[in-house]
Amino acid sequence: MPADTVPSGREPVPCRVVVCRDCCCGTPKVTGVDHSAQTARLRAEVPVRVSACLDVCEQANVIVVQPSAEGRAAGARPVWLGLVNDPDATEDIVAWARAGGPGVAPRPDILDLYAITPARRPTAR
């Protein structure tokens, strides 16, 4: 059985999208962006988890595309996208996620413009 298939003949587990909707991405919001419509559009196509602050507020709106089980098996890691303030960018994310997302489908070149590296949080010693 492929790594992304669950028993009982159900559909493969798709990639998931995390949407930051806390402080800068949610409470004061980015002017001119319909945050609810963006989240609804993503939810219409892929599983979405709304997150508290992801600590990259200067990059609001932040969306993280998490790989499916198949993508993780191929070595994919979550892809962080920042400044996703354009409906066209949201559509590019939807198309990529529906195609399989990280590790399964190549990331559209246009999304390279949105790719960010999150700051590492200090770890306890």
PDB file of N, CA and C in Angstrom:
ATOM      1  N   MET A   1       0.853  -1.184   0.000  1.00  0.00           N
ATOM      2  CA  MET A   1       0.000   0.000   0.000  1.00  0.00           C
ATOM      3  C   MET A   1       0.888   1.232   0.000  1.00  0.00           C
ATOM      4  N   PRO A   2       0.672   2.200  -0.899  1.00  0.00           N
ATOM      5  CA  PRO A   2       1.491   3.417  -0.906  1.00  0.00           C
ATOM      6  C   PRO A   2       1.415   4.139   0.433  1.00  0.00           C
ATOM      7  N   ALA A   3       2.462   4.879   0.746  1.00  0.00           N
ATOM      8  CA  ALA A   3       2.566   5.562   2.035  1.00  0.00           C
ATOM      9  C   ALA A   3       1.460   6.581   2.256  1.00  0.00           C
ATOM     10  N   ASP A   4       0.872   7.119   1.182  1.00  0.00           N
ATOM     11  CA  ASP A   4      -0.140   8.158   1.372  1.00  0.00           C
ATOM     12  C   ASP A   4      -1.565   7.621   1.296  1.00  0.00           C
ATOM     13  N   THR A   5      -1.707   6.301   1.317  1.00  0.00           N
ATOM     14  CA  THR A   5      -3.025   5.704   1.239  1.00  0.00           C
ATOM     15  C   THR A   5      -3.411   5.172   2.606  1.00  0.00           C
ATOM     16  N   VAL A   6      -4.644   5.406   2.983  1.00  0.00           N
ATOM     17  CA  VAL A   6      -5.128   4.898   4.254  1.00  0.00           C
ATOM     18  C   VAL A   6      -5.963   3.662   3.999  1.00  0.00           C
ATOM     19  N   PRO A   7      -6.083   2.766   4.979  1.00  0.00           N
ATOM     20  CA  PRO A   7      -6.863   1.548   4.784  1.00  0.00           C
ATOM     21  C   PRO A   7      -8.324   1.847   4.443  1.00  0.00           C
ATOM     22  N   SER A   8      -9.051   0.827   4.082  1.00  0.00           N
ATOM     23  CA  SER A   8     -10.484   0.893   3.794  1.00  0.00           C
ATOM     24  C   SER A   8     -10.799   1.582   2.479  1.00  0.00           C
ATOM     25  N   GLY A   9      -9.827   1.733   1.587  1.00  0.00           N
ATOM     26  CA  GLY A   9     -10.093   2.292   0.273  1.00  0.00           C
ATOM     27  C   GLY A   9     -10.395   3.777   0.254  1.00  0.00           C
ATOM     28  N   ARG A  10     -10.117   4.472   1.342  1.00  0.00           N
ATOM     29  CA  ARG A  10     -10.341   5.919   1.345  1.00  0.00           C
ATOM     30  C   ARG A  10      -9.310   6.602   0.462  1.00  0.00           C
ATOM     31  N   GLU A  11      -9.564   7.869   0.188  1.00  0.00           N
ATOM     32  CA  GLU A  11      -8.669   8.664  -0.656  1.00  0.00           C
ATOM     33  C   GLU A  11      -7.292   8.816  -0.019  1.00  0.00           C
ATOM     34  N   PRO A  12      -6.247   9.019  -0.831  1.00  0.00           N
ATOM     35  CA  PRO A  12      -4.922   9.303  -0.279  1.00  0.00           C
ATOM     36  C   PRO A  12      -4.967  10.563   0.590  1.00  0.00           C
ATOM     37  N   VAL A  13      -4.102  10.599   1.578  1.00  0.00           N
ATOM     38  CA  VAL A  13      -4.024  11.766   2.455  1.00  0.00           C
ATOM     39  C   VAL A  13      -3.320  12.880   1.683  1.00  0.00           C
ATOM     40  N   PRO A  14      -4.003  14.001   1.453  1.00  0.00           N
ATOM     41  CA  PRO A  14      -3.409  15.078   0.656  1.00  0.00           C
ATOM     42  C   PRO A  14      -2.445  15.926   1.468  1.00  0.00           C
ATOM     43  N   CYS A  15      -1.762  16.806   0.763  1.00  0.00           N
ATOM     44  CA  CYS A  15      -0.974  17.789   1.498  1.00  0.00           C
ATOM     45  C   CYS A  15      -1.955  18.723   2.197  1.00  0.00           C
ATOM     46  N   ARG A  16      -1.469  19.425   3.178  1.00  0.00           N
ATOM     47  CA  ARG A  16      -2.312  20.319   3.969  1.00  0.00           C
ATOM     48  C   ARG A  16      -1.716  21.720   3.945  1.00  0.00           C
ATOM     49  N   VAL A  17      -2.571  22.687   4.220  1.00  0.00           N
ATOM     50  CA  VAL A  17      -2.149  24.078   4.225  1.00  0.00           C
ATOM     51  C   VAL A  17      -2.418  24.659   5.611  1.00  0.00           C
ATOM     52  N   VAL A  18      -1.418  25.341   6.155  1.00  0.00           N
ATOM     53  CA  VAL A  18      -1.573  26.051   7.423  1.00  0.00           C
ATOM     54  C   VAL A  18      -1.625  27.535   7.095  1.00  0.00           C
ATOM     55  N   VAL A  19      -2.649  28.204   7.606  1.00  0.00           N
ATOM     56  CA  VAL A  19      -2.837  29.626   7.357  1.00  0.00           C
ATOM     57  C   VAL A  19      -2.696  30.364   8.680  1.00  0.00           C
ATOM     58  N   CYS A  20      -1.751  31.285   8.752  1.00  0.00           N
ATOM     59  CA  CYS A  20      -1.587  32.102   9.952  1.00  0.00           C
ATOM     60  C   CYS A  20      -2.713  33.130   9.980  1.00  0.00           C
ATOM     61  N   ARG A  21      -3.429  33.180  11.089  1.00  0.00           N
ATOM     62  CA  ARG A  21      -4.517  34.152  11.220  1.00  0.00           C
ATOM     63  C   ARG A  21      -4.530  34.741  12.629  1.00  0.00           C
ATOM     64  N   ASP A  22      -3.353  34.982  13.172  1.00  0.00           N
ATOM     65  CA  ASP A  22      -3.287  35.541  14.513  1.00  0.00           C
ATOM     66  C   ASP A  22      -2.984  37.025  14.424  1.00  0.00           C
ATOM     67  N   CYS A  23      -1.877  37.460  14.943  1.00  0.00           N
ATOM     68  CA  CYS A  23      -1.634  38.905  15.084  1.00  0.00           C
ATOM     69  C   CYS A  23      -1.622  39.616  13.734  1.00  0.00           C
ATOM     70  N   CYS A  24      -0.522  39.682  13.051  1.00  0.00           N
ATOM     71  CA  CYS A  24      -0.413  40.496  11.826  1.00  0.00           C
ATOM     72  C   CYS A  24      -1.156  39.908  10.634  1.00  0.00           C
ATOM     73  N   CYS A  25      -1.275  38.600  10.602  1.00  0.00           N
ATOM     74  CA  CYS A  25      -1.972  37.963   9.483  1.00  0.00           C
ATOM     75  C   CYS A  25      -3.474  37.876   9.724  1.00  0.00           C
ATOM     76  N   GLY A  26      -3.906  38.192  10.937  1.00  0.00           N
ATOM     77  CA  GLY A  26      -5.308  37.992  11.228  1.00  0.00           C
ATOM     78  C   GLY A  26      -5.997  39.133  11.935  1.00  0.00           C
ATOM     79  N   THR A  27      -5.439  39.614  13.028  1.00  0.00           N
ATOM     80  CA  THR A  27      -6.142  40.618  13.818  1.00  0.00           C
ATOM     81  C   THR A  27      -6.179  41.970  13.119  1.00  0.00           C
ATOM     82  N   PRO A  28      -5.037  42.650  12.892  1.00  0.00           N
ATOM     83  CA  PRO A  28      -5.125  43.927  12.192  1.00  0.00           C
ATOM     84  C   PRO A  28      -5.325  43.750  10.690  1.00  0.00           C
ATOM     85  N   LYS A  29      -4.938  42.606  10.171  1.00  0.00           N
ATOM     86  CA  LYS A  29      -5.076  42.248   8.760  1.00  0.00           C
ATOM     87  C   LYS A  29      -4.238  43.129   7.835  1.00  0.00           C
ATOM     88  N   VAL A  30      -3.971  42.584   6.672  1.00  0.00           N
ATOM     89  CA  VAL A  30      -3.255  43.309   5.631  1.00  0.00           C
ATOM     90  C   VAL A  30      -4.300  44.088   4.839  1.00  0.00           C
ATOM     91  N   THR A  31      -4.119  45.371   4.717  1.00  0.00           N
ATOM     92  CA  THR A  31      -5.072  46.234   4.021  1.00  0.00           C
ATOM     93  C   THR A  31      -5.291  45.754   2.592  1.00  0.00           C
ATOM     94  N   GLY A  32      -6.549  45.673   2.202  1.00  0.00           N
ATOM     95  CA  GLY A  32      -6.883  45.304   0.834  1.00  0.00           C
ATOM     96  C   GLY A  32      -6.982  43.814   0.581  1.00  0.00           C
ATOM     97  N   VAL A  33      -6.738  42.996   1.591  1.00  0.00           N
ATOM     98  CA  VAL A  33      -6.815  41.545   1.420  1.00  0.00           C
ATOM     99  C   VAL A  33      -8.055  41.033   2.139  1.00  0.00           C
ATOM    100  N   ASP A  34      -8.866  40.254   1.433  1.00  0.00           N
ATOM    101  CA  ASP A  34     -10.031  39.626   2.047  1.00  0.00           C
ATOM    102  C   ASP A  34      -9.570  38.303   2.657  1.00  0.00           C
ATOM    103  N   HIS A  35      -9.183  38.359   3.912  1.00  0.00           N
ATOM    104  CA  HIS A  35      -8.613  37.198   4.594  1.00  0.00           C
ATOM    105  C   HIS A  35      -9.595  36.032   4.666  1.00  0.00           C
ATOM    106  N   SER A  36     -10.855  36.332   4.920  1.00  0.00           N
ATOM    107  CA  SER A  36     -11.869  35.274   4.996  1.00  0.00           C
ATOM    108  C   SER A  36     -12.045  34.593   3.647  1.00  0.00           C
ATOM    109  N   ALA A  37     -12.060  35.370   2.576  1.00  0.00           N
ATOM    110  CA  ALA A  37     -12.209  34.798   1.236  1.00  0.00           C
ATOM    111  C   ALA A  37     -10.999  33.939   0.880  1.00  0.00           C
ATOM    112  N   GLN A  38      -9.808  34.379   1.272  1.00  0.00           N
ATOM    113  CA  GLN A  38      -8.603  33.605   0.994  1.00  0.00           C
ATOM    114  C   GLN A  38      -8.670  32.251   1.702  1.00  0.00           C
ATOM    115  N   THR A  39      -9.025  32.271   2.976  1.00  0.00           N
ATOM    116  CA  THR A  39      -9.123  31.024   3.734  1.00  0.00           C
ATOM    117  C   THR A  39     -10.219  30.130   3.159  1.00  0.00           C
ATOM    118  N   ALA A  40     -11.356  30.708   2.806  1.00  0.00           N
ATOM    119  CA  ALA A  40     -12.456  29.932   2.232  1.00  0.00           C
ATOM    120  C   ALA A  40     -12.049  29.301   0.904  1.00  0.00           C
ATOM    121  N   ARG A  41     -11.322  30.044   0.082  1.00  0.00           N
ATOM    122  CA  ARG A  41     -10.880  29.506  -1.214  1.00  0.00           C
ATOM    123  C   ARG A  41      -9.956  28.317  -1.011  1.00  0.00           C
ATOM    124  N   LEU A  42      -9.020  28.442  -0.087  1.00  0.00           N
ATOM    125  CA  LEU A  42      -8.124  27.326   0.207  1.00  0.00           C
ATOM    126  C   LEU A  42      -8.916  26.129   0.730  1.00  0.00           C
ATOM    127  N   ARG A  43      -9.826  26.383   1.668  1.00  0.00           N
ATOM    128  CA  ARG A  43     -10.623  25.299   2.268  1.00  0.00           C
ATOM    129  C   ARG A  43     -11.496  24.587   1.244  1.00  0.00           C
ATOM    130  N   ALA A  44     -11.888  25.271   0.203  1.00  0.00           N
ATOM    131  CA  ALA A  44     -12.723  24.651  -0.826  1.00  0.00           C
ATOM    132  C   ALA A  44     -11.965  23.576  -1.594  1.00  0.00           C
ATOM    133  N   GLU A  45     -10.645  23.613  -1.540  1.00  0.00           N
ATOM    134  CA  GLU A  45      -9.834  22.705  -2.353  1.00  0.00           C
ATOM    135  C   GLU A  45      -8.929  21.764  -1.570  1.00  0.00           C
ATOM    136  N   VAL A  46      -8.431  22.204  -0.425  1.00  0.00           N
ATOM    137  CA  VAL A  46      -7.461  21.397   0.328  1.00  0.00           C
ATOM    138  C   VAL A  46      -7.742  21.512   1.826  1.00  0.00           C
ATOM    139  N   PRO A  47      -7.280  20.529   2.609  1.00  0.00           N
ATOM    140  CA  PRO A  47      -7.429  20.657   4.061  1.00  0.00           C
ATOM    141  C   PRO A  47      -6.637  21.860   4.573  1.00  0.00           C
ATOM    142  N   VAL A  48      -7.266  22.654   5.428  1.00  0.00           N
ATOM    143  CA  VAL A  48      -6.647  23.871   5.963  1.00  0.00           C
ATOM    144  C   VAL A  48      -6.703  23.833   7.484  1.00  0.00           C
ATOM    145  N   ARG A  49      -5.607  24.229   8.093  1.00  0.00           N
ATOM    146  CA  ARG A  49      -5.570  24.433   9.543  1.00  0.00           C
ATOM    147  C   ARG A  49      -5.241  25.893   9.768  1.00  0.00           C
ATOM    148  N   VAL A  50      -6.063  26.566  10.561  1.00  0.00           N
ATOM    149  CA  VAL A  50      -5.804  27.956  10.915  1.00  0.00           C
ATOM    150  C   VAL A  50      -4.930  27.946  12.156  1.00  0.00           C
ATOM    151  N   SER A  51      -3.845  28.696  12.095  1.00  0.00           N
ATOM    152  CA  SER A  51      -2.845  28.698  13.155  1.00  0.00           C
ATOM    153  C   SER A  51      -2.823  30.023  13.900  1.00  0.00           C
ATOM    154  N   ALA A  52      -2.338  29.948  15.119  1.00  0.00           N
ATOM    155  CA  ALA A  52      -1.982  31.163  15.842  1.00  0.00           C
ATOM    156  C   ALA A  52      -0.711  31.710  15.187  1.00  0.00           C
ATOM    157  N   CYS A  53      -0.133  32.729  15.747  1.00  0.00           N
ATOM    158  CA  CYS A  53       1.020  33.406  15.158  1.00  0.00           C
ATOM    159  C   CYS A  53       2.165  32.440  14.851  1.00  0.00           C
ATOM    160  N   LEU A  54       2.687  32.534  13.638  1.00  0.00           N
ATOM    161  CA  LEU A  54       3.821  31.712  13.209  1.00  0.00           C
ATOM    162  C   LEU A  54       5.152  32.453  13.348  1.00  0.00           C
ATOM    163  N   ASP A  55       5.125  33.627  13.957  1.00  0.00           N
ATOM    164  CA  ASP A  55       6.326  34.405  14.283  1.00  0.00           C
ATOM    165  C   ASP A  55       7.120  34.906  13.084  1.00  0.00           C
ATOM    166  N   VAL A  56       6.452  35.169  11.995  1.00  0.00           N
ATOM    167  CA  VAL A  56       7.089  35.821  10.843  1.00  0.00           C
ATOM    168  C   VAL A  56       6.166  36.946  10.368  1.00  0.00           C
ATOM    169  N   CYS A  57       5.769  37.770  11.324  1.00  0.00           N
ATOM    170  CA  CYS A  57       4.753  38.806  11.090  1.00  0.00           C
ATOM    171  C   CYS A  57       5.119  39.767   9.960  1.00  0.00           C
ATOM    172  N   GLU A  58       6.402  40.010   9.772  1.00  0.00           N
ATOM    173  CA  GLU A  58       6.821  40.929   8.708  1.00  0.00           C
ATOM    174  C   GLU A  58       6.528  40.359   7.323  1.00  0.00           C
ATOM    175  N   GLN A  59       6.137  39.085   7.253  1.00  0.00           N
ATOM    176  CA  GLN A  59       5.843  38.428   5.977  1.00  0.00           C
ATOM    177  C   GLN A  59       4.344  38.178   5.778  1.00  0.00           C
ATOM    178  N   ALA A  60       3.487  38.805   6.592  1.00  0.00           N
ATOM    179  CA  ALA A  60       2.040  38.554   6.517  1.00  0.00           C
ATOM    180  C   ALA A  60       1.521  38.823   5.096  1.00  0.00           C
ATOM    181  N   ASN A  61       0.704  37.987   4.637  1.00  0.00           N
ATOM    182  CA  ASN A  61       0.038  36.772   5.066  1.00  0.00           C
ATOM    183  C   ASN A  61       0.939  35.576   4.837  1.00  0.00           C
ATOM    184  N   VAL A  62       0.985  34.706   5.829  1.00  0.00           N
ATOM    185  CA  VAL A  62       1.861  33.543   5.764  1.00  0.00           C
ATOM    186  C   VAL A  62       1.023  32.284   5.591  1.00  0.00           C
ATOM    187  N   ILE A  63       1.448  31.452   4.655  1.00  0.00           N
ATOM    188  CA  ILE A  63       0.813  30.161   4.399  1.00  0.00           C
ATOM    189  C   ILE A  63       1.927  29.124   4.337  1.00  0.00           C
ATOM    190  N   VAL A  64       1.710  27.999   5.010  1.00  0.00           N
ATOM    191  CA  VAL A  64       2.678  26.907   4.997  1.00  0.00           C
ATOM    192  C   VAL A  64       2.016  25.718   4.311  1.00  0.00           C
ATOM    193  N   VAL A  65       2.654  25.204   3.264  1.00  0.00           N
ATOM    194  CA  VAL A  65       2.142  24.033   2.558  1.00  0.00           C
ATOM    195  C   VAL A  65       2.903  22.827   3.095  1.00  0.00           C
ATOM    196  N   GLN A  66       2.168  21.946   3.778  1.00  0.00           N
ATOM    197  CA  GLN A  66       2.781  20.769   4.383  1.00  0.00           C
ATOM    198  C   GLN A  66       2.660  19.589   3.430  1.00  0.00           C
ATOM    199  N   PRO A  67       3.727  18.812   3.279  1.00  0.00           N
ATOM    200  CA  PRO A  67       3.670  17.684   2.353  1.00  0.00           C
ATOM    201  C   PRO A  67       2.724  16.590   2.832  1.00  0.00           C
ATOM    202  N   SER A  68       2.212  15.842   1.875  1.00  0.00           N
ATOM    203  CA  SER A  68       1.414  14.655   2.171  1.00  0.00           C
ATOM    204  C   SER A  68       2.352  13.559   2.671  1.00  0.00           C
ATOM    205  N   ALA A  69       1.792  12.429   3.053  1.00  0.00           N
ATOM    206  CA  ALA A  69       2.622  11.292   3.458  1.00  0.00           C
ATOM    207  C   ALA A  69       3.545  10.881   2.309  1.00  0.00           C
ATOM    208  N   GLU A  70       3.023  10.892   1.097  1.00  0.00           N
ATOM    209  CA  GLU A  70       3.842  10.556  -0.073  1.00  0.00           C
ATOM    210  C   GLU A  70       4.978  11.561  -0.241  1.00  0.00           C
ATOM    211  N   GLY A  71       4.678  12.832  -0.075  1.00  0.00           N
ATOM    212  CA  GLY A  71       5.699  13.870  -0.182  1.00  0.00           C
ATOM    213  C   GLY A  71       6.756  13.736   0.897  1.00  0.00           C
ATOM    214  N   ARG A  72       6.330  13.454   2.137  1.00  0.00           N
ATOM    215  CA  ARG A  72       7.293  13.262   3.233  1.00  0.00           C
ATOM    216  C   ARG A  72       8.182  12.058   2.962  1.00  0.00           C
ATOM    217  N   ALA A  73       7.585  10.986   2.424  1.00  0.00           N
ATOM    218  CA  ALA A  73       8.369   9.794   2.098  1.00  0.00           C
ATOM    219  C   ALA A  73       9.425  10.108   1.039  1.00  0.00           C
ATOM    220  N   ALA A  74       9.143  11.094   0.194  1.00  0.00           N
ATOM    221  CA  ALA A  74      10.097  11.514  -0.841  1.00  0.00           C
ATOM    222  C   ALA A  74      11.105  12.526  -0.304  1.00  0.00           C
ATOM    223  N   GLY A  75      10.991  12.863   0.991  1.00  0.00           N
ATOM    224  CA  GLY A  75      11.948  13.779   1.608  1.00  0.00           C
ATOM    225  C   GLY A  75      11.518  15.234   1.656  1.00  0.00           C
ATOM    226  N   ALA A  76      10.282  15.521   1.267  1.00  0.00           N
ATOM    227  CA  ALA A  76       9.820  16.914   1.250  1.00  0.00           C
ATOM    228  C   ALA A  76       9.625  17.448   2.662  1.00  0.00           C
ATOM    229  N   ARG A  77       9.819  18.741   2.794  1.00  0.00           N
ATOM    230  CA  ARG A  77       9.623  19.470   4.048  1.00  0.00           C
ATOM    231  C   ARG A  77       8.539  20.520   3.811  1.00  0.00           C
ATOM    232  N   PRO A  78       7.950  21.050   4.870  1.00  0.00           N
ATOM    233  CA  PRO A  78       6.963  22.113   4.680  1.00  0.00           C
ATOM    234  C   PRO A  78       7.566  23.305   3.932  1.00  0.00           C
ATOM    235  N   VAL A  79       6.763  23.926   3.108  1.00  0.00           N
ATOM    236  CA  VAL A  79       7.187  25.097   2.345  1.00  0.00           C
ATOM    237  C   VAL A  79       6.447  26.310   2.895  1.00  0.00           C
ATOM    238  N   TRP A  80       7.222  27.285   3.363  1.00  0.00           N
ATOM    239  CA  TRP A  80       6.674  28.513   3.924  1.00  0.00           C
ATOM    240  C   TRP A  80       6.589  29.565   2.826  1.00  0.00           C
ATOM    241  N   LEU A  81       5.425  30.195   2.742  1.00  0.00           N
ATOM    242  CA  LEU A  81       5.193  31.242   1.755  1.00  0.00           C
ATOM    243  C   LEU A  81       4.735  32.499   2.485  1.00  0.00           C
ATOM    244  N   GLY A  82       5.361  33.619   2.172  1.00  0.00           N
ATOM    245  CA  GLY A  82       5.016  34.874   2.819  1.00  0.00           C
ATOM    246  C   GLY A  82       4.544  35.910   1.823  1.00  0.00           C
ATOM    247  N   LEU A  83       3.920  36.944   2.351  1.00  0.00           N
ATOM    248  CA  LEU A  83       3.376  38.039   1.543  1.00  0.00           C
ATOM    249  C   LEU A  83       2.366  37.531   0.516  1.00  0.00           C
ATOM    250  N   VAL A  84       1.588  36.528   0.909  1.00  0.00           N
ATOM    251  CA  VAL A  84       0.568  35.968   0.023  1.00  0.00           C
ATOM    252  C   VAL A  84      -0.668  36.861   0.128  1.00  0.00           C
ATOM    253  N   ASN A  85      -0.601  37.980  -0.569  1.00  0.00           N
ATOM    254  CA  ASN A  85      -1.625  39.012  -0.479  1.00  0.00           C
ATOM    255  C   ASN A  85      -2.350  39.237  -1.798  1.00  0.00           C
ATOM    256  N   ASP A  86      -2.223  38.303  -2.709  1.00  0.00           N
ATOM    257  CA  ASP A  86      -2.791  38.436  -4.040  1.00  0.00           C
ATOM    258  C   ASP A  86      -3.627  37.188  -4.341  1.00  0.00           C
ATOM    259  N   PRO A  87      -4.845  37.350  -4.837  1.00  0.00           N
ATOM    260  CA  PRO A  87      -5.667  36.180  -5.159  1.00  0.00           C
ATOM    261  C   PRO A  87      -5.002  35.230  -6.154  1.00  0.00           C
ATOM    262  N   ASP A  88      -4.191  35.755  -7.067  1.00  0.00           N
ATOM    263  CA  ASP A  88      -3.501  34.882  -8.020  1.00  0.00           C
ATOM    264  C   ASP A  88      -2.517  33.964  -7.306  1.00  0.00           C
ATOM    265  N   ALA A  89      -1.841  34.463  -6.281  1.00  0.00           N
ATOM    266  CA  ALA A  89      -0.917  33.629  -5.509  1.00  0.00           C
ATOM    267  C   ALA A  89      -1.689  32.528  -4.786  1.00  0.00           C
ATOM    268  N   THR A  90      -2.855  32.883  -4.260  1.00  0.00           N
ATOM    269  CA  THR A  90      -3.690  31.874  -3.602  1.00  0.00           C
ATOM    270  C   THR A  90      -4.073  30.789  -4.598  1.00  0.00           C
ATOM    271  N   GLU A  91      -4.429  31.176  -5.813  1.00  0.00           N
ATOM    272  CA  GLU A  91      -4.785  30.193  -6.844  1.00  0.00           C
ATOM    273  C   GLU A  91      -3.593  29.309  -7.203  1.00  0.00           C
ATOM    274  N   ASP A  92      -2.394  29.882  -7.242  1.00  0.00           N
ATOM    275  CA  ASP A  92      -1.197  29.082  -7.522  1.00  0.00           C
ATOM    276  C   ASP A  92      -0.964  28.058  -6.412  1.00  0.00           C
ATOM    277  N   ILE A  93      -1.208  28.454  -5.166  1.00  0.00           N
ATOM    278  CA  ILE A  93      -1.062  27.526  -4.039  1.00  0.00           C
ATOM    279  C   ILE A  93      -2.101  26.412  -4.142  1.00  0.00           C
ATOM    280  N   VAL A  94      -3.338  26.768  -4.453  1.00  0.00           N
ATOM    281  CA  VAL A  94      -4.396  25.772  -4.615  1.00  0.00           C
ATOM    282  C   VAL A  94      -4.016  24.764  -5.697  1.00  0.00           C
ATOM    283  N   ALA A  95      -3.575  25.248  -6.843  1.00  0.00           N
ATOM    284  CA  ALA A  95      -3.223  24.355  -7.953  1.00  0.00           C
ATOM    285  C   ALA A  95      -2.093  23.411  -7.565  1.00  0.00           C
ATOM    286  N   TRP A  96      -1.079  23.938  -6.879  1.00  0.00           N
ATOM    287  CA  TRP A  96       0.054  23.108  -6.466  1.00  0.00           C
ATOM    288  C   TRP A  96      -0.386  22.064  -5.447  1.00  0.00           C
ATOM    289  N   ALA A  97      -1.174  22.478  -4.466  1.00  0.00           N
ATOM    290  CA  ALA A  97      -1.642  21.539  -3.443  1.00  0.00           C
ATOM    291  C   ALA A  97      -2.505  20.445  -4.067  1.00  0.00           C
ATOM    292  N   ARG A  98      -3.375  20.815  -4.983  1.00  0.00           N
ATOM    293  CA  ARG A  98      -4.219  19.808  -5.645  1.00  0.00           C
ATOM    294  C   ARG A  98      -3.396  18.856  -6.495  1.00  0.00           C
ATOM    295  N   ALA A  99      -2.280  19.324  -7.037  1.00  0.00           N
ATOM    296  CA  ALA A  99      -1.402  18.466  -7.841  1.00  0.00           C
ATOM    297  C   ALA A  99      -0.560  17.538  -6.967  1.00  0.00           C
ATOM    298  N   GLY A 100      -0.568  17.764  -5.653  1.00  0.00           N
ATOM    299  CA  GLY A 100       0.180  16.894  -4.747  1.00  0.00           C
ATOM    300  C   GLY A 100       1.061  17.633  -3.773  1.00  0.00           C
ATOM    301  N   GLY A 101       1.442  18.862  -4.111  1.00  0.00           N
ATOM    302  CA  GLY A 101       2.245  19.670  -3.197  1.00  0.00           C
ATOM    303  C   GLY A 101       3.687  19.219  -3.080  1.00  0.00           C
ATOM    304  N   PRO A 102       4.355  19.638  -2.002  1.00  0.00           N
ATOM    305  CA  PRO A 102       5.792  19.377  -1.831  1.00  0.00           C
ATOM    306  C   PRO A 102       6.135  17.890  -1.935  1.00  0.00           C
ATOM    307  N   GLY A 103       7.167  17.596  -2.719  1.00  0.00           N
ATOM    308  CA  GLY A 103       7.652  16.233  -2.867  1.00  0.00           C
ATOM    309  C   GLY A 103       6.896  15.402  -3.873  1.00  0.00           C
ATOM    310  N   VAL A 104       5.747  15.887  -4.323  1.00  0.00           N
ATOM    311  CA  VAL A 104       4.929  15.144  -5.278  1.00  0.00           C
ATOM    312  C   VAL A 104       4.848  15.897  -6.600  1.00  0.00           C
ATOM    313  N   ALA A 105       4.560  17.176  -6.522  1.00  0.00           N
ATOM    314  CA  ALA A 105       4.439  18.014  -7.720  1.00  0.00           C
ATOM    315  C   ALA A 105       5.457  19.145  -7.625  1.00  0.00           C
ATOM    316  N   PRO A 106       6.061  19.520  -8.737  1.00  0.00           N
ATOM    317  CA  PRO A 106       7.015  20.633  -8.681  1.00  0.00           C
ATOM    318  C   PRO A 106       6.320  21.927  -8.262  1.00  0.00           C
ATOM    319  N   ARG A 107       7.016  22.707  -7.445  1.00  0.00           N
ATOM    320  CA  ARG A 107       6.468  24.000  -7.022  1.00  0.00           C
ATOM    321  C   ARG A 107       6.451  24.924  -8.232  1.00  0.00           C
ATOM    322  N   PRO A 108       5.320  25.573  -8.497  1.00  0.00           N
ATOM    323  CA  PRO A 108       5.281  26.532  -9.608  1.00  0.00           C
ATOM    324  C   PRO A 108       6.346  27.614  -9.409  1.00  0.00           C
ATOM    325  N   ASP A 109       7.029  27.953 -10.470  1.00  0.00           N
ATOM    326  CA  ASP A 109       8.106  28.949 -10.387  1.00  0.00           C
ATOM    327  C   ASP A 109       7.647  30.244  -9.732  1.00  0.00           C
ATOM    328  N   ILE A 110       6.419  30.656 -10.004  1.00  0.00           N
ATOM    329  CA  ILE A 110       5.931  31.919  -9.448  1.00  0.00           C
ATOM    330  C   ILE A 110       5.928  31.888  -7.926  1.00  0.00           C
ATOM    331  N   LEU A 111       5.725  30.715  -7.324  1.00  0.00           N
ATOM    332  CA  LEU A 111       5.708  30.634  -5.861  1.00  0.00           C
ATOM    333  C   LEU A 111       7.096  30.784  -5.257  1.00  0.00           C
ATOM    334  N   ASP A 112       8.145  30.664  -6.079  1.00  0.00           N
ATOM    335  CA  ASP A 112       9.500  30.939  -5.571  1.00  0.00           C
ATOM    336  C   ASP A 112       9.600  32.376  -5.063  1.00  0.00           C
ATOM    337  N   LEU A 113       8.811  33.265  -5.654  1.00  0.00           N
ATOM    338  CA  LEU A 113       8.825  34.669  -5.229  1.00  0.00           C
ATOM    339  C   LEU A 113       8.264  34.851  -3.820  1.00  0.00           C
ATOM    340  N   TYR A 114       7.471  33.900  -3.365  1.00  0.00           N
ATOM    341  CA  TYR A 114       6.826  33.987  -2.055  1.00  0.00           C
ATOM    342  C   TYR A 114       7.523  33.140  -0.995  1.00  0.00           C
ATOM    343  N   ALA A 115       8.450  32.279  -1.408  1.00  0.00           N
ATOM    344  CA  ALA A 115       9.098  31.356  -0.468  1.00  0.00           C
ATOM    345  C   ALA A 115       9.915  32.123   0.564  1.00  0.00           C
ATOM    346  N   ILE A 116       9.739  31.752   1.823  1.00  0.00           N
ATOM    347  CA  ILE A 116      10.485  32.375   2.918  1.00  0.00           C
ATOM    348  C   ILE A 116      11.091  31.280   3.788  1.00  0.00           C
ATOM    349  N   THR A 117      12.083  31.652   4.553  1.00  0.00           N
ATOM    350  CA  THR A 117      12.675  30.751   5.535  1.00  0.00           C
ATOM    351  C   THR A 117      12.313  31.293   6.907  1.00  0.00           C
ATOM    352  N   PRO A 118      11.554  30.521   7.682  1.00  0.00           N
ATOM    353  CA  PRO A 118      11.171  31.025   9.002  1.00  0.00           C
ATOM    354  C   PRO A 118      12.374  31.110   9.922  1.00  0.00           C
ATOM    355  N   ALA A 119      12.322  32.065  10.829  1.00  0.00           N
ATOM    356  CA  ALA A 119      13.391  32.187  11.823  1.00  0.00           C
ATOM    357  C   ALA A 119      13.338  30.980  12.744  1.00  0.00           C
ATOM    358  N   ARG A 120      14.498  30.523  13.122  1.00  0.00           N
ATOM    359  CA  ARG A 120      14.543  29.401  14.065  1.00  0.00           C
ATOM    360  C   ARG A 120      14.270  29.916  15.462  1.00  0.00           C
ATOM    361  N   ARG A 121      13.511  29.145  16.191  1.00  0.00           N
ATOM    362  CA  ARG A 121      13.247  29.496  17.585  1.00  0.00           C
ATOM    363  C   ARG A 121      14.378  28.951  18.440  1.00  0.00           C
ATOM    364  N   PRO A 122      14.761  29.691  19.466  1.00  0.00           N
ATOM    365  CA  PRO A 122      15.818  29.188  20.345  1.00  0.00           C
ATOM    366  C   PRO A 122      15.374  27.901  21.028  1.00  0.00           C
ATOM    367  N   THR A 123      16.295  26.986  21.190  1.00  0.00           N
ATOM    368  CA  THR A 123      15.983  25.738  21.878  1.00  0.00           C
ATOM    369  C   THR A 123      16.599  25.749  23.262  1.00  0.00           C
ATOM    370  N   ALA A 124      15.942  25.074  24.180  1.00  0.00           N
ATOM    371  CA  ALA A 124      16.461  24.989  25.553  1.00  0.00           C
ATOM    372  C   ALA A 124      17.674  24.075  25.571  1.00  0.00           C
ATOM    373  N   ARG A 125      18.624  24.418  26.396  1.00  0.00           N
ATOM    374  CA  ARG A 125      19.830  23.585  26.490  1.00  0.00           C
ATOM    375  C   ARG A 125      19.854  22.845  27.767  1.00  0.00           C
TER     376      ARG A 125
END
